[in-house]
Protein backbone atom coordinates (compact mmCIF):
# COMPACT_ATOMS: atom_id res chain seq x y z
CA MET A 1 0.12 -0.02 -0.04
CA ASN A 2 2.79 2.49 0.83
CA ARG A 3 4.40 1.88 -2.56
CA THR A 4 1.23 2.65 -4.39
CA VAL A 5 0.78 6.06 -2.61
CA PHE A 6 4.31 7.00 -3.10
CA LEU A 7 4.19 6.29 -6.70
CA ILE A 8 1.03 8.22 -7.23
CA LEU A 9 2.55 11.33 -5.64
CA LEU A 10 5.63 11.01 -7.77
CA ILE A 11 3.57 10.91 -10.85
CA LEU A 12 1.29 13.76 -9.95
CA SER A 13 3.79 16.30 -9.04
CA PRO A 14 5.29 16.78 -12.62
CA CYS A 15 2.07 16.79 -14.36
CA ILE A 16 1.10 19.97 -12.37
CA ARG A 17 4.42 21.41 -12.16
CA GLY A 18 5.06 21.18 -15.82
CA THR A 19 2.17 23.42 -16.79
CA THR A 20 1.86 27.15 -16.63
CA SER A 21 -1.86 27.31 -17.45
CA GLY A 22 -3.25 26.77 -13.85
CA TRP A 23 -4.40 23.07 -14.30
CA LEU A 24 -5.30 21.30 -11.10
CA PRO A 25 -6.34 17.64 -10.59
CA GLU A 26 -9.99 17.00 -10.62
CA SER A 27 -10.15 13.24 -10.86
CA LEU A 28 -7.19 10.82 -10.23
CA VAL A 29 -7.51 7.11 -10.86
CA GLY A 30 -5.63 5.20 -8.23
CA LEU A 31 -2.54 3.24 -9.23
CA GLU A 32 -1.99 -0.35 -8.45
CA TYR A 33 1.69 -1.30 -8.23
CA PRO A 34 2.37 -3.77 -10.87
CA GLN A 35 2.36 -7.37 -9.82
CA SER A 36 5.26 -8.19 -12.11
CA ALA A 37 7.50 -5.41 -10.39
CA LEU A 38 6.33 -6.68 -6.92
CA LEU A 39 7.44 -10.31 -7.67
CA LYS A 40 10.73 -9.06 -8.94
CA GLY A 41 11.24 -6.63 -6.05
CA GLN A 42 11.55 -3.76 -8.46
CA GLN A 43 11.13 -0.18 -7.41
CA GLY A 44 11.98 3.18 -8.75
CA VAL A 45 10.94 6.70 -9.41
CA VAL A 46 8.95 7.45 -12.66
CA ARG A 47 8.12 10.97 -13.82
CA VAL A 48 5.17 11.19 -16.15
CA ASP A 49 4.96 14.22 -18.59
CA CYS A 50 1.28 14.74 -19.16
CA TYR A 51 -0.12 16.57 -22.25
CA LEU A 52 -3.59 17.93 -21.64
CA LEU A 53 -6.51 18.78 -24.04
CA ASP A 54 -8.75 21.81 -23.40
CA ASP A 55 -11.23 19.76 -21.52
CA GLY A 56 -8.59 18.59 -18.97
CA THR A 57 -8.19 15.03 -20.22
CA VAL A 58 -4.76 13.52 -20.75
CA SER A 59 -4.08 13.19 -24.42
CA ARG A 60 -0.59 11.78 -23.98
CA ALA A 61 1.49 10.52 -20.97
CA GLU A 62 5.14 9.94 -21.37
CA PRO A 63 6.77 8.15 -18.51
CA ILE A 64 10.49 8.67 -17.77
CA SER A 65 12.35 6.72 -15.17
CA GLU A 66 14.48 8.72 -12.88
CA GLY A 67 17.77 7.08 -12.02
CA LYS A 68 20.18 4.75 -13.88
CA ASP A 69 18.01 1.70 -13.97
CA PRO A 70 14.56 2.13 -15.76
CA VAL A 71 11.86 -0.05 -14.70
CA PRO A 72 9.56 -0.67 -17.79
CA ASP A 73 6.92 -2.30 -15.78
CA LEU A 74 6.63 0.78 -13.61
CA GLU A 75 6.82 3.02 -16.57
CA ALA A 76 3.89 1.41 -18.34
CA ALA A 77 1.71 1.36 -15.33
CA ALA A 78 2.33 4.98 -14.57
CA ALA A 79 1.50 5.97 -18.16
CA ARG A 80 -1.59 3.80 -18.29
CA TYR A 81 -3.08 5.24 -15.10
CA ALA A 82 -2.11 8.85 -16.05
CA MET A 83 -4.14 8.60 -19.13
CA LYS A 84 -7.37 8.01 -16.93
CA TRP A 85 -6.72 11.35 -14.90
CA LYS A 86 -8.67 14.53 -15.35
CA PHE A 87 -7.61 18.11 -14.59
CA LYS A 88 -9.37 21.41 -14.44
CA ARG A 89 -8.41 25.08 -14.52
């Protein structure tokens, strides 16, 4: 459970910080830590750059692993869940 909350906070921060238009989160879909990453004991920091449409939906989410060892399972999960988020001005 702690890993899930931690990952959500890491993802959300760049989405908001990267904009200059005053977007705020309206609806965030919770993130489940990928089972494959749990079984392998993988963890890492993933930043997601979100591109928003005028209605606040995410049109594109680009995951970027922070650090020297990318974790593709975490990147894919982060991008998949970010696409379900909604923002407002």
